């Protein structure tokens, strides 16, 4: 993909910052508490990297760092793994939106952002790769919805709509 425009992810909203800090704290303190509480604590230290990976490393790697547009695709750039590409040719609409209260089907519910599969009454099933649920963009394709949260939602809307087959539609 040839990148034509880059959009940084919005800063983590307050709830996500609190959940991320809590997950990091648990990842560090839980093994230490077990080490102090059990006489054979060295065995606990061997298992502690697992806690760190599950609570911190995996959510960090899969969380959105930003978005890139170009070559007919929207790329969700993630912190520790390859980007996800979404073709813009069949994009029906892009509009600034706030993510309604949703049920997390599979993914992160605030640790380093909201990413994965979600569902709610208004949007049905959708994917989210967002750091701020209050200020984002809802992108709609036939049978598929994606919620993202760039720093500048209006600019991302303009960029993806300019590259879609339905230019200019909101």
C-alpha atoms as a PDB file:
ATOM      1  CA  UNK A   1       0.000   0.000   0.000  1.00  0.00           C
ATOM      2  CA  UNK A   2       1.296   3.427  -0.933  1.00  0.00           C
ATOM      3  CA  UNK A   3       0.482   5.742   1.969  1.00  0.00           C
ATOM      4  CA  UNK A   4      -1.041   9.066   0.938  1.00  0.00           C
ATOM      5  CA  UNK A   5      -2.277  10.360   4.313  1.00  0.00           C
ATOM      6  CA  UNK A   6      -1.543   9.457   7.941  1.00  0.00           C
ATOM      7  CA  UNK A   7      -3.898  10.049  10.858  1.00  0.00           C
ATOM      8  CA  UNK A   8      -2.614   9.522  14.409  1.00  0.00           C
ATOM      9  CA  UNK A   9      -4.975   7.814  16.830  1.00  0.00           C
ATOM     10  CA  UNK A  10      -6.688  10.094  19.328  1.00  0.00           C
ATOM     11  CA  UNK A  11      -5.155  10.068  22.815  1.00  0.00           C
ATOM     12  CA  UNK A  12      -6.515   7.382  25.135  1.00  0.00           C
ATOM     13  CA  UNK A  13      -9.653   8.626  26.826  1.00  0.00           C
ATOM     14  CA  UNK A  14      -9.634   8.821  30.625  1.00  0.00           C
ATOM     15  CA  UNK A  15     -11.367   5.454  31.183  1.00  0.00           C
ATOM     16  CA  UNK A  16      -8.873   3.683  28.926  1.00  0.00           C
ATOM     17  CA  UNK A  17      -5.932   5.319  30.706  1.00  0.00           C
ATOM     18  CA  UNK A  18      -7.308   4.104  34.053  1.00  0.00           C
ATOM     19  CA  UNK A  19      -7.926   0.545  32.791  1.00  0.00           C
ATOM     20  CA  UNK A  20      -4.490   0.408  31.181  1.00  0.00           C
ATOM     21  CA  UNK A  21      -2.805   1.582  34.381  1.00  0.00           C
ATOM     22  CA  UNK A  22      -4.777  -0.941  36.417  1.00  0.00           C
ATOM     23  CA  UNK A  23      -3.838  -3.811  34.081  1.00  0.00           C
ATOM     24  CA  UNK A  24      -0.166  -2.829  34.288  1.00  0.00           C
ATOM     25  CA  UNK A  25      -0.337  -2.610  38.054  1.00  0.00           C
ATOM     26  CA  UNK A  26      -1.976  -6.045  38.351  1.00  0.00           C
ATOM     27  CA  UNK A  27       0.568  -7.530  35.936  1.00  0.00           C
ATOM     28  CA  UNK A  28       3.408  -6.331  38.153  1.00  0.00           C
ATOM     29  CA  UNK A  29       1.912  -6.666  41.640  1.00  0.00           C
ATOM     30  CA  UNK A  30       0.110 -10.031  41.329  1.00  0.00           C
ATOM     31  CA  UNK A  31       3.302 -12.074  40.836  1.00  0.00           C
ATOM     32  CA  UNK A  32       5.038 -10.128  43.595  1.00  0.00           C
ATOM     33  CA  UNK A  33       2.153 -10.723  46.000  1.00  0.00           C
ATOM     34  CA  UNK A  34       2.188 -14.430  45.206  1.00  0.00           C
ATOM     35  CA  UNK A  35       5.952 -14.528  45.657  1.00  0.00           C
ATOM     36  CA  UNK A  36       5.662 -13.018  49.122  1.00  0.00           C
ATOM     37  CA  UNK A  37       2.648 -15.122  50.119  1.00  0.00           C
ATOM     38  CA  UNK A  38       4.058 -18.535  49.139  1.00  0.00           C
ATOM     39  CA  UNK A  39       7.195 -20.147  50.488  1.00  0.00           C
ATOM     40  CA  UNK A  40       8.047 -21.704  47.090  1.00  0.00           C
ATOM     41  CA  UNK A  41       7.689 -18.317  45.404  1.00  0.00           C
ATOM     42  CA  UNK A  42      10.394 -18.876  42.825  1.00  0.00           C
ATOM     43  CA  UNK A  43       7.984 -21.080  40.883  1.00  0.00           C
ATOM     44  CA  UNK A  44       5.524 -18.181  40.845  1.00  0.00           C
ATOM     45  CA  UNK A  45       8.105 -15.917  39.225  1.00  0.00           C
ATOM     46  CA  UNK A  46       8.431 -18.414  36.367  1.00  0.00           C
ATOM     47  CA  UNK A  47       4.680 -18.054  35.658  1.00  0.00           C
ATOM     48  CA  UNK A  48       4.635 -14.272  36.054  1.00  0.00           C
ATOM     49  CA  UNK A  49       5.662 -13.496  32.450  1.00  0.00           C
ATOM     50  CA  UNK A  50       2.402 -15.126  31.400  1.00  0.00           C
ATOM     51  CA  UNK A  51       0.446 -12.594  33.477  1.00  0.00           C
ATOM     52  CA  UNK A  52       2.447  -9.757  31.948  1.00  0.00           C
ATOM     53  CA  UNK A  53       1.884 -11.033  28.396  1.00  0.00           C
ATOM     54  CA  UNK A  54      -1.860 -11.591  28.831  1.00  0.00           C
ATOM     55  CA  UNK A  55      -2.581  -8.315  30.642  1.00  0.00           C
ATOM     56  CA  UNK A  56      -0.150  -5.947  28.940  1.00  0.00           C
ATOM     57  CA  UNK A  57       1.819  -7.228  25.939  1.00  0.00           C
ATOM     58  CA  UNK A  58      -1.043  -8.679  23.875  1.00  0.00           C
ATOM     59  CA  UNK A  59      -3.383  -5.676  24.304  1.00  0.00           C
ATOM     60  CA  UNK A  60      -0.495  -3.314  23.522  1.00  0.00           C
ATOM     61  CA  UNK A  61       0.466  -5.177  20.342  1.00  0.00           C
ATOM     62  CA  UNK A  62      -3.090  -5.280  19.000  1.00  0.00           C
ATOM     63  CA  UNK A  63      -4.092  -1.726  19.952  1.00  0.00           C
ATOM     64  CA  UNK A  64      -4.456   1.011  17.319  1.00  0.00           C
ATOM     65  CA  UNK A  65      -1.604   3.498  16.961  1.00  0.00           C
ATOM     66  CA  UNK A  66      -3.028   5.356  13.974  1.00  0.00           C
ATOM     67  CA  UNK A  67      -4.591   5.106  10.553  1.00  0.00           C
ATOM     68  CA  UNK A  68      -3.211   5.470   7.038  1.00  0.00           C
ATOM     69  CA  UNK A  69      -5.053   6.009   3.765  1.00  0.00           C
ATOM     70  CA  UNK A  70      -3.772   5.297   0.309  1.00  0.00           C
ATOM     71  CA  UNK A  71      -3.893   2.973  -2.706  1.00  0.00           C
ATOM     72  CA  UNK A  72      -7.622   2.457  -2.193  1.00  0.00           C
ATOM     73  CA  UNK A  73      -7.246   1.097   1.362  1.00  0.00           C
ATOM     74  CA  UNK A  74      -7.599   2.250   4.939  1.00  0.00           C
ATOM     75  CA  UNK A  75      -4.895   0.756   7.154  1.00  0.00           C
ATOM     76  CA  UNK A  76      -5.358   0.453  10.892  1.00  0.00           C
ATOM     77  CA  UNK A  77      -1.784   0.704  12.153  1.00  0.00           C
ATOM     78  CA  UNK A  78      -1.307  -1.356  15.299  1.00  0.00           C
ATOM     79  CA  UNK A  79       1.462  -0.972  17.884  1.00  0.00           C
ATOM     80  CA  UNK A  80       3.038  -4.412  17.729  1.00  0.00           C
ATOM     81  CA  UNK A  81       1.710  -6.330  14.760  1.00  0.00           C
ATOM     82  CA  UNK A  82       0.995  -5.812  11.093  1.00  0.00           C
ATOM     83  CA  UNK A  83      -1.623  -3.291   9.965  1.00  0.00           C
ATOM     84  CA  UNK A  84      -5.173  -4.288   9.084  1.00  0.00           C
ATOM     85  CA  UNK A  85      -6.292  -3.244   5.595  1.00  0.00           C
ATOM     86  CA  UNK A  86      -9.854  -2.294   4.678  1.00  0.00           C
ATOM     87  CA  UNK A  87     -10.594  -1.664   0.962  1.00  0.00           C
ATOM     88  CA  UNK A  88     -12.231   1.685   0.287  1.00  0.00           C
ATOM     89  CA  UNK A  89     -13.662   0.868  -3.141  1.00  0.00           C
ATOM     90  CA  UNK A  90     -16.951  -0.403  -1.741  1.00  0.00           C
ATOM     91  CA  UNK A  91     -17.167   2.038   1.185  1.00  0.00           C
ATOM     92  CA  UNK A  92     -20.751   3.281   1.480  1.00  0.00           C
ATOM     93  CA  UNK A  93     -20.375   6.006   4.130  1.00  0.00           C
ATOM     94  CA  UNK A  94     -18.018   7.610   6.622  1.00  0.00           C
ATOM     95  CA  UNK A  95     -19.229   9.964   9.313  1.00  0.00           C
ATOM     96  CA  UNK A  96     -18.024  11.347  12.628  1.00  0.00           C
ATOM     97  CA  UNK A  97     -19.673   9.443  15.464  1.00  0.00           C
ATOM     98  CA  UNK A  98     -19.419   8.409  19.082  1.00  0.00           C
ATOM     99  CA  UNK A  99     -19.431   4.694  19.823  1.00  0.00           C
ATOM    100  CA  UNK A 100     -22.715   3.846  21.549  1.00  0.00           C
ATOM    101  CA  UNK A 101     -22.763   1.652  24.612  1.00  0.00           C
ATOM    102  CA  UNK A 102     -21.808  -1.755  23.211  1.00  0.00           C
ATOM    103  CA  UNK A 103     -21.222  -5.347  24.173  1.00  0.00           C
ATOM    104  CA  UNK A 104     -17.696  -6.601  23.607  1.00  0.00           C
ATOM    105  CA  UNK A 105     -17.889  -9.873  21.696  1.00  0.00           C
ATOM    106  CA  UNK A 106     -14.133 -10.446  21.388  1.00  0.00           C
ATOM    107  CA  UNK A 107     -11.321  -7.972  22.005  1.00  0.00           C
ATOM    108  CA  UNK A 108     -10.181  -5.324  24.460  1.00  0.00           C
ATOM    109  CA  UNK A 109     -12.639  -3.332  26.509  1.00  0.00           C
ATOM    110  CA  UNK A 110     -10.394  -0.376  27.266  1.00  0.00           C
ATOM    111  CA  UNK A 111      -6.875  -1.664  27.976  1.00  0.00           C
ATOM    112  CA  UNK A 112      -4.839   0.352  25.456  1.00  0.00           C
ATOM    113  CA  UNK A 113      -8.121   1.214  23.725  1.00  0.00           C
ATOM    114  CA  UNK A 114     -11.144  -0.576  22.332  1.00  0.00           C
ATOM    115  CA  UNK A 115     -10.385  -3.073  19.617  1.00  0.00           C
ATOM    116  CA  UNK A 116     -12.067  -6.189  18.345  1.00  0.00           C
ATOM    117  CA  UNK A 117     -15.674  -7.200  17.712  1.00  0.00           C
ATOM    118  CA  UNK A 118     -18.557  -5.353  19.353  1.00  0.00           C
ATOM    119  CA  UNK A 119     -22.327  -5.222  19.036  1.00  0.00           C
ATOM    120  CA  UNK A 120     -25.107  -2.835  20.017  1.00  0.00           C
ATOM    121  CA  UNK A 121     -28.744  -2.226  19.200  1.00  0.00           C
ATOM    122  CA  UNK A 122     -28.170   0.705  16.821  1.00  0.00           C
ATOM    123  CA  UNK A 123     -25.198  -0.490  14.774  1.00  0.00           C
ATOM    124  CA  UNK A 124     -25.531  -4.264  15.095  1.00  0.00           C
ATOM    125  CA  UNK A 125     -22.206  -6.089  14.883  1.00  0.00           C
ATOM    126  CA  UNK A 126     -19.110  -4.019  14.125  1.00  0.00           C
ATOM    127  CA  UNK A 127     -15.362  -3.895  14.588  1.00  0.00           C
ATOM    128  CA  UNK A 128     -13.626  -1.178  16.568  1.00  0.00           C
ATOM    129  CA  UNK A 129     -10.010  -0.026  16.597  1.00  0.00           C
ATOM    130  CA  UNK A 130     -10.294   3.064  18.751  1.00  0.00           C
ATOM    131  CA  UNK A 131      -8.623   4.927  21.599  1.00  0.00           C
ATOM    132  CA  UNK A 132     -11.487   7.339  22.278  1.00  0.00           C
ATOM    133  CA  UNK A 133     -15.105   6.175  22.064  1.00  0.00           C
ATOM    134  CA  UNK A 134     -16.477   9.726  22.261  1.00  0.00           C
ATOM    135  CA  UNK A 135     -14.838  11.114  19.098  1.00  0.00           C
ATOM    136  CA  UNK A 136     -14.428   8.827  16.130  1.00  0.00           C
ATOM    137  CA  UNK A 137     -15.553   7.800  12.681  1.00  0.00           C
ATOM    138  CA  UNK A 138     -18.073   5.148  11.708  1.00  0.00           C
ATOM    139  CA  UNK A 139     -17.172   3.600   8.354  1.00  0.00           C
ATOM    140  CA  UNK A 140     -19.808   1.496   6.598  1.00  0.00           C
ATOM    141  CA  UNK A 141     -19.424  -1.115   3.884  1.00  0.00           C
ATOM    142  CA  UNK A 142     -22.087  -3.532   2.634  1.00  0.00           C
ATOM    143  CA  UNK A 143     -22.604  -5.875   5.601  1.00  0.00           C
ATOM    144  CA  UNK A 144     -19.717  -4.451   7.655  1.00  0.00           C
ATOM    145  CA  UNK A 145     -19.093  -1.511  10.011  1.00  0.00           C
ATOM    146  CA  UNK A 146     -15.839  -0.215  11.483  1.00  0.00           C
ATOM    147  CA  UNK A 147     -15.345   2.370  14.225  1.00  0.00           C
ATOM    148  CA  UNK A 148     -11.996   4.182  14.470  1.00  0.00           C
ATOM    149  CA  UNK A 149     -10.832   7.225  16.436  1.00  0.00           C
ATOM    150  CA  UNK A 150      -8.300   9.454  14.697  1.00  0.00           C
ATOM    151  CA  UNK A 151      -7.249  12.772  16.220  1.00  0.00           C
ATOM    152  CA  UNK A 152      -9.101  14.531  13.385  1.00  0.00           C
ATOM    153  CA  UNK A 153     -12.292  12.598  12.524  1.00  0.00           C
ATOM    154  CA  UNK A 154     -13.423  15.084   9.843  1.00  0.00           C
ATOM    155  CA  UNK A 155     -10.108  14.834   7.977  1.00  0.00           C
ATOM    156  CA  UNK A 156     -10.228  11.034   7.975  1.00  0.00           C
ATOM    157  CA  UNK A 157     -13.805  11.127   6.650  1.00  0.00           C
ATOM    158  CA  UNK A 158     -12.742  13.411   3.793  1.00  0.00           C
ATOM    159  CA  UNK A 159      -9.722  11.230   2.974  1.00  0.00           C
ATOM    160  CA  UNK A 160     -11.565   7.899   2.844  1.00  0.00           C
ATOM    161  CA  UNK A 161     -14.556   9.297   0.979  1.00  0.00           C
ATOM    162  CA  UNK A 162     -12.275  10.872  -1.636  1.00  0.00           C
ATOM    163  CA  UNK A 163     -10.809   7.417  -2.306  1.00  0.00           C
ATOM    164  CA  UNK A 164     -14.048   5.440  -2.265  1.00  0.00           C
ATOM    165  CA  UNK A 165     -16.180   4.572  -5.284  1.00  0.00           C
ATOM    166  CA  UNK A 166     -18.980   6.727  -3.797  1.00  0.00           C
ATOM    167  CA  UNK A 167     -16.945   9.936  -3.558  1.00  0.00           C
ATOM    168  CA  UNK A 168     -18.336  12.592  -1.256  1.00  0.00           C
ATOM    169  CA  UNK A 169     -21.145  10.557   0.329  1.00  0.00           C
ATOM    170  CA  UNK A 170     -21.676  10.896   4.065  1.00  0.00           C
END
